[in-house]
Amino acid sequence: MNYLYLAVAIVAEVIATSFLKQSEGFARPVPTAIMATGYIVAFYCLSLALRGIPTGVAYAIWSGVGIVLIAAIAWLFQGQKLDLPALAGIALIMAGVLVMNLFSGTTGH
């Protein structure tokens, strides 16, 4: 259940971060409300996930998966360009998250 909370936290944070750009410095009320709600849900679910997942592990997964998803959304929907070094870096982040989850004894599985 802790990893489900973490997954919900990641998705909520990705949605919130995506709407942060659209809020235009909090000048647009609807994107701002979606962003604020997303961050509240994200941090609440993260706090629940931390009951059973070590903080360093949860944060590494949160930030790694979040970076990859935000980069993908920015590329697909916001016109962000990703060159070969950026793609290689994203692949390394994904590899790090996978290695930690598959091979580390500190993940709390």
PDB file of N, CA and C in Angstrom:
ATOM      1  N   MET A   1       0.826  -1.199   0.000  1.00  0.00           N
ATOM      2  CA  MET A   1       0.000   0.000   0.000  1.00  0.00           C
ATOM      3  C   MET A   1       0.868   1.259   0.000  1.00  0.00           C
ATOM      4  N   ASN A   2       2.032   1.183   0.652  1.00  0.00           N
ATOM      5  CA  ASN A   2       2.915   2.351   0.711  1.00  0.00           C
ATOM      6  C   ASN A   2       3.378   2.781  -0.680  1.00  0.00           C
ATOM      7  N   TYR A   3       3.640   1.793  -1.541  1.00  0.00           N
ATOM      8  CA  TYR A   3       4.083   2.137  -2.890  1.00  0.00           C
ATOM      9  C   TYR A   3       2.931   2.677  -3.739  1.00  0.00           C
ATOM     10  N   LEU A   4       1.711   2.289  -3.421  1.00  0.00           N
ATOM     11  CA  LEU A   4       0.550   2.874  -4.088  1.00  0.00           C
ATOM     12  C   LEU A   4       0.422   4.347  -3.701  1.00  0.00           C
ATOM     13  N   TYR A   5       0.590   4.641  -2.416  1.00  0.00           N
ATOM     14  CA  TYR A   5       0.584   6.045  -1.969  1.00  0.00           C
ATOM     15  C   TYR A   5       1.680   6.843  -2.664  1.00  0.00           C
ATOM     16  N   LEU A   6       2.853   6.232  -2.787  1.00  0.00           N
ATOM     17  CA  LEU A   6       3.956   6.920  -3.457  1.00  0.00           C
ATOM     18  C   LEU A   6       3.628   7.162  -4.924  1.00  0.00           C
ATOM     19  N   ALA A   7       3.024   6.193  -5.575  1.00  0.00           N
ATOM     20  CA  ALA A   7       2.645   6.365  -6.989  1.00  0.00           C
ATOM     21  C   ALA A   7       1.628   7.490  -7.149  1.00  0.00           C
ATOM     22  N   VAL A   8       0.642   7.544  -6.270  1.00  0.00           N
ATOM     23  CA  VAL A   8      -0.351   8.622  -6.323  1.00  0.00           C
ATOM     24  C   VAL A   8       0.335   9.964  -6.066  1.00  0.00           C
ATOM     25  N   ALA A   9       1.262   9.994  -5.121  1.00  0.00           N
ATOM     26  CA  ALA A   9       1.999  11.226  -4.831  1.00  0.00           C
ATOM     27  C   ALA A   9       2.783  11.696  -6.051  1.00  0.00           C
ATOM     28  N   ILE A  10       3.408  10.784  -6.746  1.00  0.00           N
ATOM     29  CA  ILE A  10       4.194  11.138  -7.933  1.00  0.00           C
ATOM     30  C   ILE A  10       3.288  11.681  -9.025  1.00  0.00           C
ATOM     31  N   VAL A  11       2.194  11.003  -9.288  1.00  0.00           N
ATOM     32  CA  VAL A  11       1.267  11.454 -10.339  1.00  0.00           C
ATOM     33  C   VAL A  11       0.697  12.827  -9.990  1.00  0.00           C
ATOM     34  N   ALA A  12       0.299  13.019  -8.736  1.00  0.00           N
ATOM     35  CA  ALA A  12      -0.250  14.317  -8.318  1.00  0.00           C
ATOM     36  C   ALA A  12       0.790  15.420  -8.445  1.00  0.00           C
ATOM     37  N   GLU A  13       2.025  15.119  -8.098  1.00  0.00           N
ATOM     38  CA  GLU A  13       3.095  16.120  -8.203  1.00  0.00           C
ATOM     39  C   GLU A  13       3.390  16.451  -9.664  1.00  0.00           C
ATOM     40  N   VAL A  14       3.358  15.461 -10.522  1.00  0.00           N
ATOM     41  CA  VAL A  14       3.595  15.691 -11.951  1.00  0.00           C
ATOM     42  C   VAL A  14       2.487  16.561 -12.537  1.00  0.00           C
ATOM     43  N   ILE A  15       1.250  16.276 -12.178  1.00  0.00           N
ATOM     44  CA  ILE A  15       0.128  17.106 -12.632  1.00  0.00           C
ATOM     45  C   ILE A  15       0.295  18.529 -12.113  1.00  0.00           C
ATOM     46  N   ALA A  16       0.606  18.664 -10.835  1.00  0.00           N
ATOM     47  CA  ALA A  16       0.770  19.995 -10.241  1.00  0.00           C
ATOM     48  C   ALA A  16       1.888  20.773 -10.921  1.00  0.00           C
ATOM     49  N   THR A  17       3.013  20.122 -11.156  1.00  0.00           N
ATOM     50  CA  THR A  17       4.139  20.801 -11.791  1.00  0.00           C
ATOM     51  C   THR A  17       3.810  21.194 -13.222  1.00  0.00           C
ATOM     52  N   SER A  18       3.074  20.344 -13.922  1.00  0.00           N
ATOM     53  CA  SER A  18       2.664  20.673 -15.288  1.00  0.00           C
ATOM     54  C   SER A  18       1.766  21.907 -15.308  1.00  0.00           C
ATOM     55  N   PHE A  19       0.889  22.027 -14.331  1.00  0.00           N
ATOM     56  CA  PHE A  19      -0.009  23.182 -14.276  1.00  0.00           C
ATOM     57  C   PHE A  19       0.674  24.419 -13.699  1.00  0.00           C
ATOM     58  N   LEU A  20       1.822  24.249 -13.046  1.00  0.00           N
ATOM     59  CA  LEU A  20       2.564  25.399 -12.534  1.00  0.00           C
ATOM     60  C   LEU A  20       2.927  26.345 -13.675  1.00  0.00           C
ATOM     61  N   LYS A  21       3.392  25.805 -14.782  1.00  0.00           N
ATOM     62  CA  LYS A  21       3.720  26.637 -15.948  1.00  0.00           C
ATOM     63  C   LYS A  21       2.474  27.324 -16.490  1.00  0.00           C
ATOM     64  N   GLN A  22       1.374  26.583 -16.564  1.00  0.00           N
ATOM     65  CA  GLN A  22       0.141  27.136 -17.107  1.00  0.00           C
ATOM     66  C   GLN A  22      -0.497  28.186 -16.196  1.00  0.00           C
ATOM     67  N   SER A  23      -0.115  28.190 -14.909  1.00  0.00           N
ATOM     68  CA  SER A  23      -0.689  29.177 -13.992  1.00  0.00           C
ATOM     69  C   SER A  23      -0.174  30.587 -14.266  1.00  0.00           C
ATOM     70  N   GLU A  24       0.928  30.674 -15.027  1.00  0.00           N
ATOM     71  CA  GLU A  24       1.534  31.962 -15.382  1.00  0.00           C
ATOM     72  C   GLU A  24       1.757  32.837 -14.150  1.00  0.00           C
ATOM     73  N   GLY A  25       2.505  32.289 -13.204  1.00  0.00           N
ATOM     74  CA  GLY A  25       2.834  33.038 -11.992  1.00  0.00           C
ATOM     75  C   GLY A  25       1.619  33.252 -11.097  1.00  0.00           C
ATOM     76  N   PHE A  26       0.729  32.276 -11.063  1.00  0.00           N
ATOM     77  CA  PHE A  26      -0.502  32.299 -10.268  1.00  0.00           C
ATOM     78  C   PHE A  26      -1.508  33.325 -10.780  1.00  0.00           C
ATOM     79  N   ALA A  27      -1.355  33.791 -12.019  1.00  0.00           N
ATOM     80  CA  ALA A  27      -2.263  34.787 -12.580  1.00  0.00           C
ATOM     81  C   ALA A  27      -3.539  34.158 -13.137  1.00  0.00           C
ATOM     82  N   ARG A  28      -3.511  32.873 -13.425  1.00  0.00           N
ATOM     83  CA  ARG A  28      -4.686  32.186 -13.974  1.00  0.00           C
ATOM     84  C   ARG A  28      -5.274  31.284 -12.881  1.00  0.00           C
ATOM     85  N   PRO A  29      -6.504  31.568 -12.435  1.00  0.00           N
ATOM     86  CA  PRO A  29      -7.066  30.873 -11.266  1.00  0.00           C
ATOM     87  C   PRO A  29      -7.253  29.359 -11.425  1.00  0.00           C
ATOM     88  N   VAL A  30      -7.744  28.888 -12.562  1.00  0.00           N
ATOM     89  CA  VAL A  30      -8.016  27.449 -12.698  1.00  0.00           C
ATOM     90  C   VAL A  30      -6.727  26.631 -12.686  1.00  0.00           C
ATOM     91  N   PRO A  31      -5.731  26.970 -13.520  1.00  0.00           N
ATOM     92  CA  PRO A  31      -4.470  26.212 -13.430  1.00  0.00           C
ATOM     93  C   PRO A  31      -3.809  26.337 -12.056  1.00  0.00           C
ATOM     94  N   THR A  32      -3.950  27.491 -11.419  1.00  0.00           N
ATOM     95  CA  THR A  32      -3.379  27.678 -10.082  1.00  0.00           C
ATOM     96  C   THR A  32      -4.064  26.765  -9.077  1.00  0.00           C
ATOM     97  N   ALA A  33      -5.385  26.648  -9.153  1.00  0.00           N
ATOM     98  CA  ALA A  33      -6.125  25.770  -8.236  1.00  0.00           C
ATOM     99  C   ALA A  33      -5.764  24.304  -8.459  1.00  0.00           C
ATOM    100  N   ILE A  34      -5.632  23.900  -9.723  1.00  0.00           N
ATOM    101  CA  ILE A  34      -5.234  22.519 -10.025  1.00  0.00           C
ATOM    102  C   ILE A  34      -3.832  22.257  -9.484  1.00  0.00           C
ATOM    103  N   MET A  35      -2.939  23.220  -9.681  1.00  0.00           N
ATOM    104  CA  MET A  35      -1.566  23.078  -9.193  1.00  0.00           C
ATOM    105  C   MET A  35      -1.537  22.942  -7.667  1.00  0.00           C
ATOM    106  N   ALA A  36      -2.251  23.814  -6.981  1.00  0.00           N
ATOM    107  CA  ALA A  36      -2.249  23.783  -5.512  1.00  0.00           C
ATOM    108  C   ALA A  36      -2.849  22.477  -4.988  1.00  0.00           C
ATOM    109  N   THR A  37      -3.945  22.059  -5.582  1.00  0.00           N
ATOM    110  CA  THR A  37      -4.579  20.805  -5.175  1.00  0.00           C
ATOM    111  C   THR A  37      -3.638  19.623  -5.415  1.00  0.00           C
ATOM    112  N   GLY A  38      -2.976  19.627  -6.557  1.00  0.00           N
ATOM    113  CA  GLY A  38      -2.031  18.557  -6.867  1.00  0.00           C
ATOM    114  C   GLY A  38      -0.911  18.462  -5.849  1.00  0.00           C
ATOM    115  N   TYR A  39      -0.358  19.607  -5.461  1.00  0.00           N
ATOM    116  CA  TYR A  39       0.725  19.580  -4.471  1.00  0.00           C
ATOM    117  C   TYR A  39       0.234  19.140  -3.103  1.00  0.00           C
ATOM    118  N   ILE A  40      -0.963  19.538  -2.725  1.00  0.00           N
ATOM    119  CA  ILE A  40      -1.513  19.096  -1.437  1.00  0.00           C
ATOM    120  C   ILE A  40      -1.701  17.583  -1.432  1.00  0.00           C
ATOM    121  N   VAL A  41      -2.306  17.058  -2.485  1.00  0.00           N
ATOM    122  CA  VAL A  41      -2.503  15.604  -2.593  1.00  0.00           C
ATOM    123  C   VAL A  41      -1.148  14.893  -2.607  1.00  0.00           C
ATOM    124  N   ALA A  42      -0.207  15.437  -3.360  1.00  0.00           N
ATOM    125  CA  ALA A  42       1.112  14.814  -3.479  1.00  0.00           C
ATOM    126  C   ALA A  42       1.804  14.710  -2.124  1.00  0.00           C
ATOM    127  N   PHE A  43       1.847  15.786  -1.383  1.00  0.00           N
ATOM    128  CA  PHE A  43       2.557  15.748  -0.107  1.00  0.00           C
ATOM    129  C   PHE A  43       1.808  14.931   0.937  1.00  0.00           C
ATOM    130  N   TYR A  44       0.488  14.929   0.887  1.00  0.00           N
ATOM    131  CA  TYR A  44      -0.269  14.094   1.812  1.00  0.00           C
ATOM    132  C   TYR A  44       0.019  12.618   1.531  1.00  0.00           C
ATOM    133  N   CYS A  45      -0.066  12.222   0.269  1.00  0.00           N
ATOM    134  CA  CYS A  45       0.203  10.821  -0.081  1.00  0.00           C
ATOM    135  C   CYS A  45       1.657  10.442   0.188  1.00  0.00           C
ATOM    136  N   LEU A  46       2.572  11.366  -0.051  1.00  0.00           N
ATOM    137  CA  LEU A  46       3.977  11.093   0.273  1.00  0.00           C
ATOM    138  C   LEU A  46       4.135  10.856   1.771  1.00  0.00           C
ATOM    139  N   SER A  47       3.448  11.644   2.588  1.00  0.00           N
ATOM    140  CA  SER A  47       3.548  11.448   4.041  1.00  0.00           C
ATOM    141  C   SER A  47       3.018  10.080   4.448  1.00  0.00           C
ATOM    142  N   LEU A  48       1.976   9.599   3.772  1.00  0.00           N
ATOM    143  CA  LEU A  48       1.459   8.257   4.051  1.00  0.00           C
ATOM    144  C   LEU A  48       2.444   7.183   3.598  1.00  0.00           C
ATOM    145  N   ALA A  49       3.059   7.391   2.435  1.00  0.00           N
ATOM    146  CA  ALA A  49       4.036   6.423   1.923  1.00  0.00           C
ATOM    147  C   ALA A  49       5.239   6.303   2.848  1.00  0.00           C
ATOM    148  N   LEU A  50       5.603   7.409   3.476  1.00  0.00           N
ATOM    149  CA  LEU A  50       6.794   7.402   4.339  1.00  0.00           C
ATOM    150  C   LEU A  50       6.599   6.603   5.620  1.00  0.00           C
ATOM    151  N   ARG A  51       5.383   6.161   5.894  1.00  0.00           N
ATOM    152  CA  ARG A  51       5.158   5.285   7.051  1.00  0.00           C
ATOM    153  C   ARG A  51       5.853   3.944   6.864  1.00  0.00           C
ATOM    154  N   GLY A  52       6.016   3.510   5.608  1.00  0.00           N
ATOM    155  CA  GLY A  52       6.609   2.202   5.376  1.00  0.00           C
ATOM    156  C   GLY A  52       7.776   2.172   4.416  1.00  0.00           C
ATOM    157  N   ILE A  53       8.109   3.305   3.824  1.00  0.00           N
ATOM    158  CA  ILE A  53       9.243   3.377   2.896  1.00  0.00           C
ATOM    159  C   ILE A  53      10.271   4.330   3.498  1.00  0.00           C
ATOM    160  N   PRO A  54      11.532   3.946   3.541  1.00  0.00           N
ATOM    161  CA  PRO A  54      12.552   4.867   4.053  1.00  0.00           C
ATOM    162  C   PRO A  54      12.556   6.187   3.266  1.00  0.00           C
ATOM    163  N   THR A  55      12.788   7.280   3.962  1.00  0.00           N
ATOM    164  CA  THR A  55      12.700   8.609   3.364  1.00  0.00           C
ATOM    165  C   THR A  55      13.607   8.755   2.145  1.00  0.00           C
ATOM    166  N   GLY A  56      14.844   8.338   2.253  1.00  0.00           N
ATOM    167  CA  GLY A  56      15.782   8.479   1.135  1.00  0.00           C
ATOM    168  C   GLY A  56      15.350   7.693  -0.083  1.00  0.00           C
ATOM    169  N   VAL A  57      14.820   6.515   0.126  1.00  0.00           N
ATOM    170  CA  VAL A  57      14.349   5.681  -0.972  1.00  0.00           C
ATOM    171  C   VAL A  57      13.126   6.312  -1.620  1.00  0.00           C
ATOM    172  N   ALA A  58      12.165   6.710  -0.789  1.00  0.00           N
ATOM    173  CA  ALA A  58      10.940   7.330  -1.324  1.00  0.00           C
ATOM    174  C   ALA A  58      11.271   8.589  -2.111  1.00  0.00           C
ATOM    175  N   TYR A  59      12.163   9.407  -1.574  1.00  0.00           N
ATOM    176  CA  TYR A  59      12.486  10.650  -2.266  1.00  0.00           C
ATOM    177  C   TYR A  59      13.238  10.389  -3.565  1.00  0.00           C
ATOM    178  N   ALA A  60      14.104   9.387  -3.572  1.00  0.00           N
ATOM    179  CA  ALA A  60      14.825   9.051  -4.800  1.00  0.00           C
ATOM    180  C   ALA A  60      13.845   8.582  -5.880  1.00  0.00           C
ATOM    181  N   ILE A  61      12.893   7.757  -5.502  1.00  0.00           N
ATOM    182  CA  ILE A  61      11.893   7.286  -6.465  1.00  0.00           C
ATOM    183  C   ILE A  61      11.024   8.455  -6.905  1.00  0.00           C
ATOM    184  N   TRP A  62      10.549   9.236  -5.950  1.00  0.00           N
ATOM    185  CA  TRP A  62       9.690  10.404  -6.218  1.00  0.00           C
ATOM    186  C   TRP A  62      10.366  11.345  -7.213  1.00  0.00           C
ATOM    187  N   SER A  63      11.598  11.710  -6.918  1.00  0.00           N
ATOM    188  CA  SER A  63      12.266  12.682  -7.777  1.00  0.00           C
ATOM    189  C   SER A  63      12.664  12.069  -9.117  1.00  0.00           C
ATOM    190  N   GLY A  64      13.152  10.834  -9.121  1.00  0.00           N
ATOM    191  CA  GLY A  64      13.572  10.208 -10.372  1.00  0.00           C
ATOM    192  C   GLY A  64      12.413   9.993 -11.331  1.00  0.00           C
ATOM    193  N   VAL A  65      11.359   9.380 -10.848  1.00  0.00           N
ATOM    194  CA  VAL A  65      10.197   9.133 -11.703  1.00  0.00           C
ATOM    195  C   VAL A  65       9.549  10.460 -12.093  1.00  0.00           C
ATOM    196  N   GLY A  66       9.491  11.398 -11.142  1.00  0.00           N
ATOM    197  CA  GLY A  66       8.914  12.713 -11.434  1.00  0.00           C
ATOM    198  C   GLY A  66       9.668  13.442 -12.536  1.00  0.00           C
ATOM    199  N   ILE A  67      10.989  13.404 -12.481  1.00  0.00           N
ATOM    200  CA  ILE A  67      11.801  14.060 -13.512  1.00  0.00           C
ATOM    201  C   ILE A  67      11.515  13.463 -14.882  1.00  0.00           C
ATOM    202  N   VAL A  68      11.472  12.153 -14.947  1.00  0.00           N
ATOM    203  CA  VAL A  68      11.228  11.486 -16.226  1.00  0.00           C
ATOM    204  C   VAL A  68       9.842  11.840 -16.766  1.00  0.00           C
ATOM    205  N   LEU A  69       8.833  11.781 -15.901  1.00  0.00           N
ATOM    206  CA  LEU A  69       7.472  12.083 -16.359  1.00  0.00           C
ATOM    207  C   LEU A  69       7.302  13.548 -16.747  1.00  0.00           C
ATOM    208  N   ILE A  70       7.882  14.455 -15.971  1.00  0.00           N
ATOM    209  CA  ILE A  70       7.787  15.884 -16.295  1.00  0.00           C
ATOM    210  C   ILE A  70       8.487  16.167 -17.616  1.00  0.00           C
ATOM    211  N   ALA A  71       9.653  15.569 -17.824  1.00  0.00           N
ATOM    212  CA  ALA A  71      10.363  15.765 -19.097  1.00  0.00           C
ATOM    213  C   ALA A  71       9.532  15.234 -20.269  1.00  0.00           C
ATOM    214  N   ALA A  72       8.884  14.088 -20.080  1.00  0.00           N
ATOM    215  CA  ALA A  72       8.057  13.526 -21.148  1.00  0.00           C
ATOM    216  C   ALA A  72       6.854  14.419 -21.446  1.00  0.00           C
ATOM    217  N   ILE A  73       6.201  14.907 -20.407  1.00  0.00           N
ATOM    218  CA  ILE A  73       5.042  15.791 -20.602  1.00  0.00           C
ATOM    219  C   ILE A  73       5.460  17.095 -21.263  1.00  0.00           C
ATOM    220  N   ALA A  74       6.581  17.661 -20.811  1.00  0.00           N
ATOM    221  CA  ALA A  74       7.073  18.905 -21.411  1.00  0.00           C
ATOM    222  C   ALA A  74       7.404  18.699 -22.887  1.00  0.00           C
ATOM    223  N   TRP A  75       7.961  17.545 -23.220  1.00  0.00           N
ATOM    224  CA  TRP A  75       8.296  17.235 -24.611  1.00  0.00           C
ATOM    225  C   TRP A  75       7.032  17.030 -25.445  1.00  0.00           C
ATOM    226  N   LEU A  76       6.076  16.270 -24.898  1.00  0.00           N
ATOM    227  CA  LEU A  76       4.868  15.943 -25.654  1.00  0.00           C
ATOM    228  C   LEU A  76       3.890  17.110 -25.787  1.00  0.00           C
ATOM    229  N   PHE A  77       3.733  17.893 -24.726  1.00  0.00           N
ATOM    230  CA  PHE A  77       2.652  18.874 -24.701  1.00  0.00           C
ATOM    231  C   PHE A  77       3.097  20.334 -24.629  1.00  0.00           C
ATOM    232  N   GLN A  78       4.365  20.583 -24.283  1.00  0.00           N
ATOM    233  CA  GLN A  78       4.802  21.967 -24.100  1.00  0.00           C
ATOM    234  C   GLN A  78       5.922  22.370 -25.047  1.00  0.00           C
ATOM    235  N   GLY A  79       6.239  21.535 -26.005  1.00  0.00           N
ATOM    236  CA  GLY A  79       7.226  21.889 -27.009  1.00  0.00           C
ATOM    237  C   GLY A  79       8.676  21.847 -26.554  1.00  0.00           C
ATOM    238  N   GLN A  80       8.960  21.232 -25.423  1.00  0.00           N
ATOM    239  CA  GLN A  80      10.334  21.132 -24.918  1.00  0.00           C
ATOM    240  C   GLN A  80      11.137  20.231 -25.842  1.00  0.00           C
ATOM    241  N   LYS A  81      12.326  20.645 -26.185  1.00  0.00           N
ATOM    242  CA  LYS A  81      13.216  19.832 -27.004  1.00  0.00           C
ATOM    243  C   LYS A  81      14.126  19.019 -26.087  1.00  0.00           C
ATOM    244  N   LEU A  82      14.315  17.753 -26.434  1.00  0.00           N
ATOM    245  CA  LEU A  82      15.217  16.879 -25.676  1.00  0.00           C
ATOM    246  C   LEU A  82      16.268  16.343 -26.637  1.00  0.00           C
ATOM    247  N   ASP A  83      17.521  16.746 -26.410  1.00  0.00           N
ATOM    248  CA  ASP A  83      18.594  16.265 -27.268  1.00  0.00           C
ATOM    249  C   ASP A  83      19.149  14.952 -26.713  1.00  0.00           C
ATOM    250  N   LEU A  84      20.129  14.404 -27.393  1.00  0.00           N
ATOM    251  CA  LEU A  84      20.690  13.115 -27.007  1.00  0.00           C
ATOM    252  C   LEU A  84      21.242  13.113 -25.578  1.00  0.00           C
ATOM    253  N   PRO A  85      22.022  14.130 -25.156  1.00  0.00           N
ATOM    254  CA  PRO A  85      22.486  14.120 -23.763  1.00  0.00           C
ATOM    255  C   PRO A  85      21.336  14.160 -22.751  1.00  0.00           C
ATOM    256  N   ALA A  86      20.262  14.893 -23.052  1.00  0.00           N
ATOM    257  CA  ALA A  86      19.110  14.933 -22.148  1.00  0.00           C
ATOM    258  C   ALA A  86      18.455  13.559 -22.062  1.00  0.00           C
ATOM    259  N   LEU A  87      18.287  12.901 -23.208  1.00  0.00           N
ATOM    260  CA  LEU A  87      17.693  11.567 -23.221  1.00  0.00           C
ATOM    261  C   LEU A  87      18.576  10.558 -22.492  1.00  0.00           C
ATOM    262  N   ALA A  88      19.890  10.684 -22.663  1.00  0.00           N
ATOM    263  CA  ALA A  88      20.816   9.790 -21.956  1.00  0.00           C
ATOM    264  C   ALA A  88      20.713  10.007 -20.444  1.00  0.00           C
ATOM    265  N   GLY A  89      20.623  11.259 -20.030  1.00  0.00           N
ATOM    266  CA  GLY A  89      20.470  11.548 -18.607  1.00  0.00           C
ATOM    267  C   GLY A  89      19.189  10.984 -18.042  1.00  0.00           C
ATOM    268  N   ILE A  90      18.105  11.112 -18.785  1.00  0.00           N
ATOM    269  CA  ILE A  90      16.825  10.553 -18.352  1.00  0.00           C
ATOM    270  C   ILE A  90      16.925   9.033 -18.248  1.00  0.00           C
ATOM    271  N   ALA A  91      17.590   8.410 -19.208  1.00  0.00           N
ATOM    272  CA  ALA A  91      17.770   6.949 -19.157  1.00  0.00           C
ATOM    273  C   ALA A  91      18.573   6.544 -17.926  1.00  0.00           C
ATOM    274  N   LEU A  92      19.588   7.321 -17.586  1.00  0.00           N
ATOM    275  CA  LEU A  92      20.385   7.016 -16.393  1.00  0.00           C
ATOM    276  C   LEU A  92      19.564   7.172 -15.110  1.00  0.00           C
ATOM    277  N   ILE A  93      18.704   8.186 -15.075  1.00  0.00           N
ATOM    278  CA  ILE A  93      17.825   8.358 -13.912  1.00  0.00           C
ATOM    279  C   ILE A  93      16.909   7.147 -13.770  1.00  0.00           C
ATOM    280  N   MET A  94      16.306   6.733 -14.886  1.00  0.00           N
ATOM    281  CA  MET A  94      15.431   5.561 -14.855  1.00  0.00           C
ATOM    282  C   MET A  94      16.201   4.313 -14.413  1.00  0.00           C
ATOM    283  N   ALA A  95      17.415   4.166 -14.907  1.00  0.00           N
ATOM    284  CA  ALA A  95      18.231   3.017 -14.519  1.00  0.00           C
ATOM    285  C   ALA A  95      18.531   3.047 -13.031  1.00  0.00           C
ATOM    286  N   GLY A  96      18.825   4.214 -12.503  1.00  0.00           N
ATOM    287  CA  GLY A  96      19.101   4.335 -11.075  1.00  0.00           C
ATOM    288  C   GLY A  96      17.915   3.960 -10.216  1.00  0.00           C
ATOM    289  N   VAL A  97      16.737   4.408 -10.590  1.00  0.00           N
ATOM    290  CA  VAL A  97      15.533   4.053  -9.842  1.00  0.00           C
ATOM    291  C   VAL A  97      15.294   2.543  -9.911  1.00  0.00           C
ATOM    292  N   LEU A  98      15.475   1.964 -11.097  1.00  0.00           N
ATOM    293  CA  LEU A  98      15.289   0.518 -11.236  1.00  0.00           C
ATOM    294  C   LEU A  98      16.302  -0.276 -10.424  1.00  0.00           C
ATOM    295  N   VAL A  99      17.559   0.113 -10.485  1.00  0.00           N
ATOM    296  CA  VAL A  99      18.600  -0.592  -9.727  1.00  0.00           C
ATOM    297  C   VAL A  99      18.290  -0.541  -8.240  1.00  0.00           C
ATOM    298  N   MET A 100      17.906   0.631  -7.764  1.00  0.00           N
ATOM    299  CA  MET A 100      17.611   0.775  -6.341  1.00  0.00           C
ATOM    300  C   MET A 100      16.442  -0.116  -5.942  1.00  0.00           C
ATOM    301  N   ASN A 101      15.395  -0.151  -6.756  1.00  0.00           N
ATOM    302  CA  ASN A 101      14.217  -0.938  -6.410  1.00  0.00           C
ATOM    303  C   ASN A 101      14.409  -2.433  -6.586  1.00  0.00           C
ATOM    304  N   LEU A 102      15.190  -2.828  -7.573  1.00  0.00           N
ATOM    305  CA  LEU A 102      15.355  -4.255  -7.840  1.00  0.00           C
ATOM    306  C   LEU A 102      16.460  -4.908  -7.005  1.00  0.00           C
ATOM    307  N   PHE A 103      17.496  -4.153  -6.659  1.00  0.00           N
ATOM    308  CA  PHE A 103      18.668  -4.774  -6.060  1.00  0.00           C
ATOM    309  C   PHE A 103      19.032  -4.276  -4.660  1.00  0.00           C
ATOM    310  N   SER A 104      18.467  -3.182  -4.222  1.00  0.00           N
ATOM    311  CA  SER A 104      18.842  -2.639  -2.926  1.00  0.00           C
ATOM    312  C   SER A 104      18.006  -3.265  -1.823  1.00  0.00           C
ATOM    313  N   GLY A 105      18.643  -3.554  -0.713  1.00  0.00           N
ATOM    314  CA  GLY A 105      17.944  -4.088   0.450  1.00  0.00           C
ATOM    315  C   GLY A 105      17.308  -2.983   1.294  1.00  0.00           C
ATOM    316  N   THR A 106      17.479  -1.729   0.921  1.00  0.00           N
ATOM    317  CA  THR A 106      16.973  -0.629   1.744  1.00  0.00           C
ATOM    318  C   THR A 106      15.618  -0.093   1.283  1.00  0.00           C
ATOM    319  N   THR A 107      15.002  -0.738   0.297  1.00  0.00           N
ATOM    320  CA  THR A 107      13.768  -0.192  -0.259  1.00  0.00           C
ATOM    321  C   THR A 107      12.524  -0.499   0.564  1.00  0.00           C
ATOM    322  N   GLY A 108      12.621  -1.339   1.550  1.00  0.00           N
ATOM    323  CA  GLY A 108      11.479  -1.607   2.417  1.00  0.00           C
ATOM    324  C   GLY A 108      10.471  -2.590   1.843  1.00  0.00           C
ATOM    325  N   HIS A 109      10.866  -3.364   0.817  1.00  0.00           N
ATOM    326  CA  HIS A 109       9.945  -4.372   0.249  1.00  0.00           C
ATOM    327  C   HIS A 109       9.739  -5.486   1.243  1.00  0.00           C
TER     328      HIS A 109
END
